[in-house]
Amino acid sequence: MPYREKRTEKLFYQIGEVSEMFSEPVSTIRFWEKEFDILRPKKNNKGNRLFMQEDIKNLRLIHHLLRERGMTIEGAKRYLKHNREETDYRLEIADSLRNIREMLVSIRDEIK
């Protein structure tokens, strides 16, 4: 069995990296941090925000509700308060379908 390098995940992401992940301005990420209780990144001694995997997951959820589903901030807060588990599940399904679509498109492009 050949040796495979294990894909490593970063433990912490800086706010600039998170901003690029979601194609959102840094100020928007900071604003969401103030508005949503589920989003609490750690801060180092200099005060720089360090987002962990759980924070990234919560940001994906917030981004999905606000940008993809078109909810308001207050609507997203209410929805998360009452339907957190359902929202997590739906987001996982949406991500899976998005990945399948990307795979099918790449296969189609290779065939052409």
PDB file of N, CA and C in Angstrom:
ATOM      1  N   MET A   1       0.847  -1.175   0.000  1.00  0.00           N
ATOM      2  CA  MET A   1       0.000   0.000   0.000  1.00  0.00           C
ATOM      3  C   MET A   1       0.897   1.243   0.000  1.00  0.00           C
ATOM      4  N   PRO A   2       0.750   2.112  -0.994  1.00  0.00           N
ATOM      5  CA  PRO A   2       1.612   3.286  -1.072  1.00  0.00           C
ATOM      6  C   PRO A   2       1.298   4.288   0.046  1.00  0.00           C
ATOM      7  N   TYR A   3       2.338   5.024   0.392  1.00  0.00           N
ATOM      8  CA  TYR A   3       2.208   6.042   1.430  1.00  0.00           C
ATOM      9  C   TYR A   3       1.459   7.248   0.870  1.00  0.00           C
ATOM     10  N   ARG A   4       0.501   7.720   1.618  1.00  0.00           N
ATOM     11  CA  ARG A   4      -0.253   8.915   1.220  1.00  0.00           C
ATOM     12  C   ARG A   4      -0.096   9.966   2.296  1.00  0.00           C
ATOM     13  N   GLU A   5       0.212  11.137   1.861  1.00  0.00           N
ATOM     14  CA  GLU A   5       0.332  12.259   2.785  1.00  0.00           C
ATOM     15  C   GLU A   5      -1.057  12.624   3.285  1.00  0.00           C
ATOM     16  N   LYS A   6      -1.202  12.687   4.598  1.00  0.00           N
ATOM     17  CA  LYS A   6      -2.496  13.040   5.162  1.00  0.00           C
ATOM     18  C   LYS A   6      -2.730  14.533   4.970  1.00  0.00           C
ATOM     19  N   ARG A   7      -3.903  14.856   4.474  1.00  0.00           N
ATOM     20  CA  ARG A   7      -4.257  16.253   4.255  1.00  0.00           C
ATOM     21  C   ARG A   7      -4.462  16.932   5.605  1.00  0.00           C
ATOM     22  N   THR A   8      -3.712  17.980   5.847  1.00  0.00           N
ATOM     23  CA  THR A   8      -3.796  18.645   7.141  1.00  0.00           C
ATOM     24  C   THR A   8      -4.722  19.839   7.058  1.00  0.00           C
ATOM     25  N   GLU A   9      -5.461  20.006   8.093  1.00  0.00           N
ATOM     26  CA  GLU A   9      -6.355  21.155   8.218  1.00  0.00           C
ATOM     27  C   GLU A   9      -5.695  22.139   9.168  1.00  0.00           C
ATOM     28  N   LYS A  10      -5.836  23.391   8.872  1.00  0.00           N
ATOM     29  CA  LYS A  10      -5.298  24.398   9.771  1.00  0.00           C
ATOM     30  C   LYS A  10      -6.144  24.441  11.034  1.00  0.00           C
ATOM     31  N   LEU A  11      -5.493  24.734  12.150  1.00  0.00           N
ATOM     32  CA  LEU A  11      -6.230  24.871  13.399  1.00  0.00           C
ATOM     33  C   LEU A  11      -6.881  26.232  13.504  1.00  0.00           C
ATOM     34  N   PHE A  12      -6.181  27.260  13.025  1.00  0.00           N
ATOM     35  CA  PHE A  12      -6.692  28.619  13.113  1.00  0.00           C
ATOM     36  C   PHE A  12      -6.584  29.315  11.765  1.00  0.00           C
ATOM     37  N   TYR A  13      -7.565  30.121  11.455  1.00  0.00           N
ATOM     38  CA  TYR A  13      -7.561  30.937  10.247  1.00  0.00           C
ATOM     39  C   TYR A  13      -7.650  32.403  10.658  1.00  0.00           C
ATOM     40  N   GLN A  14      -6.886  33.236   9.995  1.00  0.00           N
ATOM     41  CA  GLN A  14      -6.964  34.667  10.260  1.00  0.00           C
ATOM     42  C   GLN A  14      -8.152  35.242   9.513  1.00  0.00           C
ATOM     43  N   ILE A  15      -8.557  36.431   9.924  1.00  0.00           N
ATOM     44  CA  ILE A  15      -9.781  37.018   9.369  1.00  0.00           C
ATOM     45  C   ILE A  15      -9.657  37.275   7.865  1.00  0.00           C
ATOM     46  N   GLY A  16      -8.468  37.581   7.372  1.00  0.00           N
ATOM     47  CA  GLY A  16      -8.273  37.781   5.941  1.00  0.00           C
ATOM     48  C   GLY A  16      -8.518  36.502   5.149  1.00  0.00           C
ATOM     49  N   GLU A  17      -8.064  35.380   5.697  1.00  0.00           N
ATOM     50  CA  GLU A  17      -8.284  34.090   5.044  1.00  0.00           C
ATOM     51  C   GLU A  17      -9.769  33.735   5.030  1.00  0.00           C
ATOM     52  N   VAL A  18     -10.425  34.009   6.138  1.00  0.00           N
ATOM     53  CA  VAL A  18     -11.863  33.729   6.241  1.00  0.00           C
ATOM     54  C   VAL A  18     -12.631  34.608   5.263  1.00  0.00           C
ATOM     55  N   SER A  19     -12.216  35.851   5.165  1.00  0.00           N
ATOM     56  CA  SER A  19     -12.836  36.790   4.241  1.00  0.00           C
ATOM     57  C   SER A  19     -12.755  36.268   2.801  1.00  0.00           C
ATOM     58  N   GLU A  20     -11.598  35.735   2.428  1.00  0.00           N
ATOM     59  CA  GLU A  20     -11.428  35.175   1.082  1.00  0.00           C
ATOM     60  C   GLU A  20     -12.270  33.922   0.878  1.00  0.00           C
ATOM     61  N   MET A  21     -12.370  33.075   1.910  1.00  0.00           N
ATOM     62  CA  MET A  21     -13.160  31.843   1.799  1.00  0.00           C
ATOM     63  C   MET A  21     -14.604  32.131   1.410  1.00  0.00           C
ATOM     64  N   PHE A  22     -15.161  33.180   2.002  1.00  0.00           N
ATOM     65  CA  PHE A  22     -16.565  33.483   1.804  1.00  0.00           C
ATOM     66  C   PHE A  22     -16.799  34.625   0.825  1.00  0.00           C
ATOM     67  N   SER A  23     -15.742  35.161   0.250  1.00  0.00           N
ATOM     68  CA  SER A  23     -15.839  36.297  -0.678  1.00  0.00           C
ATOM     69  C   SER A  23     -16.638  37.437  -0.060  1.00  0.00           C
ATOM     70  N   GLU A  24     -16.336  37.709   1.181  1.00  0.00           N
ATOM     71  CA  GLU A  24     -16.978  38.788   1.925  1.00  0.00           C
ATOM     72  C   GLU A  24     -15.895  39.731   2.442  1.00  0.00           C
ATOM     73  N   PRO A  25     -16.203  41.008   2.549  1.00  0.00           N
ATOM     74  CA  PRO A  25     -15.225  41.935   3.129  1.00  0.00           C
ATOM     75  C   PRO A  25     -14.961  41.603   4.600  1.00  0.00           C
ATOM     76  N   VAL A  26     -13.775  41.959   5.069  1.00  0.00           N
ATOM     77  CA  VAL A  26     -13.405  41.725   6.462  1.00  0.00           C
ATOM     78  C   VAL A  26     -14.407  42.403   7.395  1.00  0.00           C
ATOM     79  N   SER A  27     -14.862  43.583   7.015  1.00  0.00           N
ATOM     80  CA  SER A  27     -15.817  44.309   7.861  1.00  0.00           C
ATOM     81  C   SER A  27     -17.123  43.529   8.030  1.00  0.00           C
ATOM     82  N   THR A  28     -17.530  42.807   7.017  1.00  0.00           N
ATOM     83  CA  THR A  28     -18.752  42.002   7.109  1.00  0.00           C
ATOM     84  C   THR A  28     -18.560  40.860   8.098  1.00  0.00           C
ATOM     85  N   ILE A  29     -17.405  40.210   8.058  1.00  0.00           N
ATOM     86  CA  ILE A  29     -17.115  39.121   8.995  1.00  0.00           C
ATOM     87  C   ILE A  29     -17.134  39.661  10.426  1.00  0.00           C
ATOM     88  N   ARG A  30     -16.514  40.824  10.643  1.00  0.00           N
ATOM     89  CA  ARG A  30     -16.520  41.449  11.971  1.00  0.00           C
ATOM     90  C   ARG A  30     -17.954  41.780  12.412  1.00  0.00           C
ATOM     91  N   PHE A  31     -18.759  42.289  11.485  1.00  0.00           N
ATOM     92  CA  PHE A  31     -20.147  42.626  11.796  1.00  0.00           C
ATOM     93  C   PHE A  31     -20.926  41.382  12.199  1.00  0.00           C
ATOM     94  N   TRP A  32     -20.771  40.300  11.438  1.00  0.00           N
ATOM     95  CA  TRP A  32     -21.465  39.061  11.763  1.00  0.00           C
ATOM     96  C   TRP A  32     -21.042  38.554  13.139  1.00  0.00           C
ATOM     97  N   GLU A  33     -19.765  38.742  13.464  1.00  0.00           N
ATOM     98  CA  GLU A  33     -19.269  38.316  14.773  1.00  0.00           C
ATOM     99  C   GLU A  33     -20.021  39.044  15.895  1.00  0.00           C
ATOM    100  N   LYS A  34     -20.296  40.315  15.697  1.00  0.00           N
ATOM    101  CA  LYS A  34     -21.030  41.093  16.711  1.00  0.00           C
ATOM    102  C   LYS A  34     -22.498  40.697  16.776  1.00  0.00           C
ATOM    103  N   GLU A  35     -23.078  40.343  15.642  1.00  0.00           N
ATOM    104  CA  GLU A  35     -24.511  40.070  15.566  1.00  0.00           C
ATOM    105  C   GLU A  35     -24.909  38.664  15.998  1.00  0.00           C
ATOM    106  N   PHE A  36     -24.068  37.671  15.744  1.00  0.00           N
ATOM    107  CA  PHE A  36     -24.434  36.276  15.995  1.00  0.00           C
ATOM    108  C   PHE A  36     -23.644  35.710  17.175  1.00  0.00           C
ATOM    109  N   ASP A  37     -24.380  35.223  18.170  1.00  0.00           N
ATOM    110  CA  ASP A  37     -23.761  34.669  19.373  1.00  0.00           C
ATOM    111  C   ASP A  37     -22.977  33.390  19.103  1.00  0.00           C
ATOM    112  N   ILE A  38     -23.338  32.656  18.070  1.00  0.00           N
ATOM    113  CA  ILE A  38     -22.661  31.386  17.792  1.00  0.00           C
ATOM    114  C   ILE A  38     -21.259  31.602  17.237  1.00  0.00           C
ATOM    115  N   LEU A  39     -20.929  32.803  16.873  1.00  0.00           N
ATOM    116  CA  LEU A  39     -19.643  33.113  16.254  1.00  0.00           C
ATOM    117  C   LEU A  39     -18.756  33.828  17.269  1.00  0.00           C
ATOM    118  N   ARG A  40     -17.793  33.120  17.830  1.00  0.00           N
ATOM    119  CA  ARG A  40     -16.886  33.690  18.824  1.00  0.00           C
ATOM    120  C   ARG A  40     -15.452  33.243  18.549  1.00  0.00           C
ATOM    121  N   PRO A  41     -14.738  33.911  17.630  1.00  0.00           N
ATOM    122  CA  PRO A  41     -13.353  33.525  17.373  1.00  0.00           C
ATOM    123  C   PRO A  41     -12.451  33.893  18.556  1.00  0.00           C
ATOM    124  N   LYS A  42     -11.383  33.143  18.700  1.00  0.00           N
ATOM    125  CA  LYS A  42     -10.382  33.444  19.721  1.00  0.00           C
ATOM    126  C   LYS A  42      -9.594  34.662  19.268  1.00  0.00           C
ATOM    127  N   LYS A  43      -8.954  35.319  20.217  1.00  0.00           N
ATOM    128  CA  LYS A  43      -8.075  36.443  19.877  1.00  0.00           C
ATOM    129  C   LYS A  43      -6.715  36.195  20.506  1.00  0.00           C
ATOM    130  N   ASN A  44      -5.658  36.504  19.743  1.00  0.00           N
ATOM    131  CA  ASN A  44      -4.319  36.340  20.286  1.00  0.00           C
ATOM    132  C   ASN A  44      -3.947  37.563  21.126  1.00  0.00           C
ATOM    133  N   ASN A  45      -2.709  37.621  21.596  1.00  0.00           N
ATOM    134  CA  ASN A  45      -2.274  38.720  22.462  1.00  0.00           C
ATOM    135  C   ASN A  45      -2.350  40.077  21.773  1.00  0.00           C
ATOM    136  N   LYS A  46      -2.199  40.076  20.472  1.00  0.00           N
ATOM    137  CA  LYS A  46      -2.275  41.329  19.717  1.00  0.00           C
ATOM    138  C   LYS A  46      -3.716  41.731  19.399  1.00  0.00           C
ATOM    139  N   GLY A  47      -4.660  40.852  19.675  1.00  0.00           N
ATOM    140  CA  GLY A  47      -6.062  41.141  19.395  1.00  0.00           C
ATOM    141  C   GLY A  47      -6.536  40.660  18.038  1.00  0.00           C
ATOM    142  N   ASN A  48      -5.685  39.943  17.299  1.00  0.00           N
ATOM    143  CA  ASN A  48      -6.079  39.400  15.996  1.00  0.00           C
ATOM    144  C   ASN A  48      -7.039  38.235  16.187  1.00  0.00           C
ATOM    145  N   ARG A  49      -8.071  38.191  15.372  1.00  0.00           N
ATOM    146  CA  ARG A  49      -9.049  37.114  15.456  1.00  0.00           C
ATOM    147  C   ARG A  49      -8.476  35.835  14.850  1.00  0.00           C
ATOM    148  N   LEU A  50      -8.709  34.731  15.540  1.00  0.00           N
ATOM    149  CA  LEU A  50      -8.278  33.421  15.068  1.00  0.00           C
ATOM    150  C   LEU A  50      -9.499  32.512  15.036  1.00  0.00           C
ATOM    151  N   PHE A  51      -9.933  32.179  13.835  1.00  0.00           N
ATOM    152  CA  PHE A  51     -11.140  31.380  13.641  1.00  0.00           C
ATOM    153  C   PHE A  51     -10.774  29.899  13.608  1.00  0.00           C
ATOM    154  N   MET A  52     -11.472  29.115  14.428  1.00  0.00           N
ATOM    155  CA  MET A  52     -11.273  27.666  14.455  1.00  0.00           C
ATOM    156  C   MET A  52     -12.262  27.015  13.494  1.00  0.00           C
ATOM    157  N   GLN A  53     -12.146  25.683  13.334  1.00  0.00           N
ATOM    158  CA  GLN A  53     -13.029  24.968  12.410  1.00  0.00           C
ATOM    159  C   GLN A  53     -14.501  25.155  12.765  1.00  0.00           C
ATOM    160  N   GLU A  54     -14.819  25.178  14.047  1.00  0.00           N
ATOM    161  CA  GLU A  54     -16.207  25.374  14.472  1.00  0.00           C
ATOM    162  C   GLU A  54     -16.710  26.757  14.046  1.00  0.00           C
ATOM    163  N   ASP A  55     -15.834  27.766  14.134  1.00  0.00           N
ATOM    164  CA  ASP A  55     -16.202  29.117  13.698  1.00  0.00           C
ATOM    165  C   ASP A  55     -16.451  29.148  12.186  1.00  0.00           C
ATOM    166  N   ILE A  56     -15.622  28.430  11.436  1.00  0.00           N
ATOM    167  CA  ILE A  56     -15.791  28.367   9.975  1.00  0.00           C
ATOM    168  C   ILE A  56     -17.125  27.712   9.642  1.00  0.00           C
ATOM    169  N   LYS A  57     -17.446  26.640  10.361  1.00  0.00           N
ATOM    170  CA  LYS A  57     -18.725  25.953  10.144  1.00  0.00           C
ATOM    171  C   LYS A  57     -19.893  26.902  10.420  1.00  0.00           C
ATOM    172  N   ASN A  58     -19.809  27.647  11.518  1.00  0.00           N
ATOM    173  CA  ASN A  58     -20.872  28.596  11.857  1.00  0.00           C
ATOM    174  C   ASN A  58     -20.954  29.723  10.834  1.00  0.00           C
ATOM    175  N   LEU A  59     -19.815  30.173  10.346  1.00  0.00           N
ATOM    176  CA  LEU A  59     -19.814  31.212   9.310  1.00  0.00           C
ATOM    177  C   LEU A  59     -20.451  30.703   8.025  1.00  0.00           C
ATOM    178  N   ARG A  60     -20.181  29.449   7.664  1.00  0.00           N
ATOM    179  CA  ARG A  60     -20.809  28.867   6.473  1.00  0.00           C
ATOM    180  C   ARG A  60     -22.323  28.864   6.626  1.00  0.00           C
ATOM    181  N   LEU A  61     -22.764  28.555   7.830  1.00  0.00           N
ATOM    182  CA  LEU A  61     -24.191  28.528   8.115  1.00  0.00           C
ATOM    183  C   LEU A  61     -24.795  29.928   7.997  1.00  0.00           C
ATOM    184  N   ILE A  62     -24.142  30.902   8.594  1.00  0.00           N
ATOM    185  CA  ILE A  62     -24.615  32.288   8.536  1.00  0.00           C
ATOM    186  C   ILE A  62     -24.612  32.785   7.091  1.00  0.00           C
ATOM    187  N   HIS A  63     -23.535  32.519   6.370  1.00  0.00           N
ATOM    188  CA  HIS A  63     -23.414  32.942   4.975  1.00  0.00           C
ATOM    189  C   HIS A  63     -24.536  32.325   4.139  1.00  0.00           C
ATOM    190  N   HIS A  64     -24.805  31.049   4.372  1.00  0.00           N
ATOM    191  CA  HIS A  64     -25.868  30.349   3.638  1.00  0.00           C
ATOM    192  C   HIS A  64     -27.220  31.022   3.872  1.00  0.00           C
ATOM    193  N   LEU A  65     -27.519  31.306   5.132  1.00  0.00           N
ATOM    194  CA  LEU A  65     -28.819  31.900   5.450  1.00  0.00           C
ATOM    195  C   LEU A  65     -28.956  33.311   4.892  1.00  0.00           C
ATOM    196  N   LEU A  66     -27.901  34.101   5.013  1.00  0.00           N
ATOM    197  CA  LEU A  66     -27.987  35.500   4.591  1.00  0.00           C
ATOM    198  C   LEU A  66     -27.841  35.679   3.087  1.00  0.00           C
ATOM    199  N   ARG A  67     -26.877  35.027   2.495  1.00  0.00           N
ATOM    200  CA  ARG A  67     -26.581  35.267   1.080  1.00  0.00           C
ATOM    201  C   ARG A  67     -27.330  34.337   0.134  1.00  0.00           C
ATOM    202  N   GLU A  68     -27.418  33.065   0.475  1.00  0.00           N
ATOM    203  CA  GLU A  68     -28.040  32.113  -0.444  1.00  0.00           C
ATOM    204  C   GLU A  68     -29.553  32.027  -0.251  1.00  0.00           C
ATOM    205  N   ARG A  69     -29.994  32.125   0.994  1.00  0.00           N
ATOM    206  CA  ARG A  69     -31.433  32.042   1.250  1.00  0.00           C
ATOM    207  C   ARG A  69     -32.078  33.410   1.336  1.00  0.00           C
ATOM    208  N   GLY A  70     -31.269  34.475   1.407  1.00  0.00           N
ATOM    209  CA  GLY A  70     -31.784  35.833   1.361  1.00  0.00           C
ATOM    210  C   GLY A  70     -32.467  36.317   2.630  1.00  0.00           C
ATOM    211  N   MET A  71     -32.128  35.740   3.761  1.00  0.00           N
ATOM    212  CA  MET A  71     -32.741  36.149   5.022  1.00  0.00           C
ATOM    213  C   MET A  71     -32.134  37.453   5.528  1.00  0.00           C
ATOM    214  N   THR A  72     -32.876  38.130   6.389  1.00  0.00           N
ATOM    215  CA  THR A  72     -32.335  39.299   7.080  1.00  0.00           C
ATOM    216  C   THR A  72     -31.535  38.811   8.284  1.00  0.00           C
ATOM    217  N   ILE A  73     -30.790  39.720   8.899  1.00  0.00           N
ATOM    218  CA  ILE A  73     -30.011  39.368  10.087  1.00  0.00           C
ATOM    219  C   ILE A  73     -30.952  38.841  11.188  1.00  0.00           C
ATOM    220  N   GLU A  74     -32.020  39.575  11.436  1.00  0.00           N
ATOM    221  CA  GLU A  74     -32.959  39.163  12.487  1.00  0.00           C
ATOM    222  C   GLU A  74     -33.632  37.836  12.145  1.00  0.00           C
ATOM    223  N   GLY A  75     -33.986  37.658  10.886  1.00  0.00           N
ATOM    224  CA  GLY A  75     -34.599  36.404  10.459  1.00  0.00           C
ATOM    225  C   GLY A  75     -33.647  35.232  10.634  1.00  0.00           C
ATOM    226  N   ALA A  76     -32.389  35.439  10.296  1.00  0.00           N
ATOM    227  CA  ALA A  76     -31.389  34.382  10.443  1.00  0.00           C
ATOM    228  C   ALA A  76     -31.171  34.048  11.918  1.00  0.00           C
ATOM    229  N   LYS A  77     -31.162  35.066  12.777  1.00  0.00           N
ATOM    230  CA  LYS A  77     -31.002  34.823  14.224  1.00  0.00           C
ATOM    231  C   LYS A  77     -32.153  33.968  14.751  1.00  0.00           C
ATOM    232  N   ARG A  78     -33.381  34.338  14.377  1.00  0.00           N
ATOM    233  CA  ARG A  78     -34.554  33.572  14.818  1.00  0.00           C
ATOM    234  C   ARG A  78     -34.506  32.144  14.284  1.00  0.00           C
ATOM    235  N   TYR A  79     -34.151  32.019  13.016  1.00  0.00           N
ATOM    236  CA  TYR A  79     -34.108  30.701  12.384  1.00  0.00           C
ATOM    237  C   TYR A  79     -33.087  29.809  13.079  1.00  0.00           C
ATOM    238  N   LEU A  80     -31.910  30.358  13.374  1.00  0.00           N
ATOM    239  CA  LEU A  80     -30.879  29.581  14.052  1.00  0.00           C
ATOM    240  C   LEU A  80     -31.311  29.201  15.468  1.00  0.00           C
ATOM    241  N   LYS A  81     -32.031  30.079  16.113  1.00  0.00           N
ATOM    242  CA  LYS A  81     -32.474  29.807  17.488  1.00  0.00           C
ATOM    243  C   LYS A  81     -33.438  28.625  17.527  1.00  0.00           C
ATOM    244  N   HIS A  82     -34.314  28.527  16.541  1.00  0.00           N
ATOM    245  CA  HIS A  82     -35.355  27.501  16.568  1.00  0.00           C
ATOM    246  C   HIS A  82     -35.054  26.286  15.697  1.00  0.00           C
ATOM    247  N   ASN A  83     -34.220  26.427  14.683  1.00  0.00           N
ATOM    248  CA  ASN A  83     -34.010  25.342  13.701  1.00  0.00           C
ATOM    249  C   ASN A  83     -32.530  25.047  13.455  1.00  0.00           C
ATOM    250  N   ARG A  84     -31.704  25.093  14.453  1.00  0.00           N
ATOM    251  CA  ARG A  84     -30.257  24.942  14.260  1.00  0.00           C
ATOM    252  C   ARG A  84     -29.892  23.596  13.628  1.00  0.00           C
ATOM    253  N   GLU A  85     -30.388  22.500  14.188  1.00  0.00           N
ATOM    254  CA  GLU A  85     -30.028  21.175  13.673  1.00  0.00           C
ATOM    255  C   GLU A  85     -30.528  20.965  12.250  1.00  0.00           C
ATOM    256  N   GLU A  86     -31.723  21.403  11.979  1.00  0.00           N
ATOM    257  CA  GLU A  86     -32.276  21.268  10.632  1.00  0.00           C
ATOM    258  C   GLU A  86     -31.456  22.075   9.629  1.00  0.00           C
ATOM    259  N   THR A  87     -31.029  23.261  10.047  1.00  0.00           N
ATOM    260  CA  THR A  87     -30.233  24.115   9.167  1.00  0.00           C
ATOM    261  C   THR A  87     -28.883  23.478   8.873  1.00  0.00           C
ATOM    262  N   ASP A  88     -28.247  22.898   9.888  1.00  0.00           N
ATOM    263  CA  ASP A  88     -26.976  22.193   9.686  1.00  0.00           C
ATOM    264  C   ASP A  88     -27.149  21.073   8.667  1.00  0.00           C
ATOM    265  N   TYR A  89     -28.218  20.301   8.827  1.00  0.00           N
ATOM    266  CA  TYR A  89     -28.483  19.176   7.942  1.00  0.00           C
ATOM    267  C   TYR A  89     -28.714  19.642   6.504  1.00  0.00           C
ATOM    268  N   ARG A  90     -29.512  20.682   6.343  1.00  0.00           N
ATOM    269  CA  ARG A  90     -29.799  21.197   4.999  1.00  0.00           C
ATOM    270  C   ARG A  90     -28.547  21.747   4.326  1.00  0.00           C
ATOM    271  N   LEU A  91     -27.685  22.387   5.120  1.00  0.00           N
ATOM    272  CA  LEU A  91     -26.443  22.920   4.569  1.00  0.00           C
ATOM    273  C   LEU A  91     -25.531  21.793   4.104  1.00  0.00           C
ATOM    274  N   GLU A  92     -25.465  20.708   4.868  1.00  0.00           N
ATOM    275  CA  GLU A  92     -24.668  19.548   4.460  1.00  0.00           C
ATOM    276  C   GLU A  92     -25.182  18.973   3.140  1.00  0.00           C
ATOM    277  N   ILE A  93     -26.482  18.874   3.014  1.00  0.00           N
ATOM    278  CA  ILE A  93     -27.078  18.358   1.771  1.00  0.00           C
ATOM    279  C   ILE A  93     -26.749  19.287   0.609  1.00  0.00           C
ATOM    280  N   ALA A  94     -26.888  20.590   0.821  1.00  0.00           N
ATOM    281  CA  ALA A  94     -26.597  21.560  -0.238  1.00  0.00           C
ATOM    282  C   ALA A  94     -25.132  21.471  -0.659  1.00  0.00           C
ATOM    283  N   ASP A  95     -24.229  21.312   0.308  1.00  0.00           N
ATOM    284  CA  ASP A  95     -22.805  21.181  -0.019  1.00  0.00           C
ATOM    285  C   ASP A  95     -22.540  19.901  -0.808  1.00  0.00           C
ATOM    286  N   SER A  96     -23.177  18.821  -0.408  1.00  0.00           N
ATOM    287  CA  SER A  96     -23.005  17.554  -1.131  1.00  0.00           C
ATOM    288  C   SER A  96     -23.490  17.680  -2.572  1.00  0.00           C
ATOM    289  N   LEU A  97     -24.639  18.278  -2.751  1.00  0.00           N
ATOM    290  CA  LEU A  97     -25.172  18.459  -4.105  1.00  0.00           C
ATOM    291  C   LEU A  97     -24.279  19.369  -4.935  1.00  0.00           C
ATOM    292  N   ARG A  98     -23.731  20.413  -4.317  1.00  0.00           N
ATOM    293  CA  ARG A  98     -22.819  21.320  -5.010  1.00  0.00           C
ATOM    294  C   ARG A  98     -21.554  20.574  -5.463  1.00  0.00           C
ATOM    295  N   ASN A  99     -21.030  19.708  -4.593  1.00  0.00           N
ATOM    296  CA  ASN A  99     -19.845  18.925  -4.946  1.00  0.00           C
ATOM    297  C   ASN A  99     -20.134  17.945  -6.075  1.00  0.00           C
ATOM    298  N   ILE A 100     -21.288  17.308  -6.028  1.00  0.00           N
ATOM    299  CA  ILE A 100     -21.678  16.376  -7.098  1.00  0.00           C
ATOM    300  C   ILE A 100     -21.809  17.126  -8.418  1.00  0.00           C
ATOM    301  N   ARG A 101     -22.407  18.297  -8.374  1.00  0.00           N
ATOM    302  CA  ARG A 101     -22.563  19.097  -9.593  1.00  0.00           C
ATOM    303  C   ARG A 101     -21.201  19.465 -10.184  1.00  0.00           C
ATOM    304  N   GLU A 102     -20.275  19.896  -9.319  1.00  0.00           N
ATOM    305  CA  GLU A 102     -18.933  20.240  -9.797  1.00  0.00           C
ATOM    306  C   GLU A 102     -18.253  19.036 -10.442  1.00  0.00           C
ATOM    307  N   MET A 103     -18.415  17.864  -9.831  1.00  0.00           N
ATOM    308  CA  MET A 103     -17.821  16.652 -10.369  1.00  0.00           C
ATOM    309  C   MET A 103     -18.427  16.320 -11.731  1.00  0.00           C
ATOM    310  N   LEU A 104     -19.747  16.420 -11.861  1.00  0.00           N
ATOM    311  CA  LEU A 104     -20.411  16.122 -13.129  1.00  0.00           C
ATOM    312  C   LEU A 104     -20.016  17.119 -14.218  1.00  0.00           C
ATOM    313  N   VAL A 105     -19.887  18.379 -13.850  1.00  0.00           N
ATOM    314  CA  VAL A 105     -19.474  19.386 -14.828  1.00  0.00           C
ATOM    315  C   VAL A 105     -18.054  19.107 -15.299  1.00  0.00           C
ATOM    316  N   SER A 106     -17.167  18.717 -14.385  1.00  0.00           N
ATOM    317  CA  SER A 106     -15.779  18.435 -14.793  1.00  0.00           C
ATOM    318  C   SER A 106     -15.732  17.199 -15.704  1.00  0.00           C
ATOM    319  N   ILE A 107     -16.573  16.202 -15.430  1.00  0.00           N
ATOM    320  CA  ILE A 107     -16.631  15.007 -16.283  1.00  0.00           C
ATOM    321  C   ILE A 107     -17.152  15.396 -17.668  1.00  0.00           C
ATOM    322  N   ARG A 108     -18.198  16.227 -17.686  1.00  0.00           N
ATOM    323  CA  ARG A 108     -18.740  16.682 -18.976  1.00  0.00           C
ATOM    324  C   ARG A 108     -17.685  17.432 -19.785  1.00  0.00           C
ATOM    325  N   ASP A 109     -16.918  18.290 -19.115  1.00  0.00           N
ATOM    326  CA  ASP A 109     -15.895  19.062 -19.806  1.00  0.00           C
ATOM    327  C   ASP A 109     -14.766  18.180 -20.345  1.00  0.00           C
ATOM    328  N   GLU A 110     -14.451  17.094 -19.613  1.00  0.00           N
ATOM    329  CA  GLU A 110     -13.427  16.176 -20.086  1.00  0.00           C
ATOM    330  C   GLU A 110     -13.890  15.401 -21.321  1.00  0.00           C
ATOM    331  N   ILE A 111     -15.168  15.100 -21.379  1.00  0.00           N
ATOM    332  CA  ILE A 111     -15.727  14.352 -22.516  1.00  0.00           C
ATOM    333  C   ILE A 111     -15.699  15.197 -23.787  1.00  0.00           C
ATOM    334  N   LYS A 112     -15.947  16.479 -23.648  1.00  0.00           N
ATOM    335  CA  LYS A 112     -15.994  17.357 -24.838  1.00  0.00           C
ATOM    336  C   LYS A 112     -14.679  17.470 -25.503  1.00  0.00           C
TER     337      LYS A 112
END
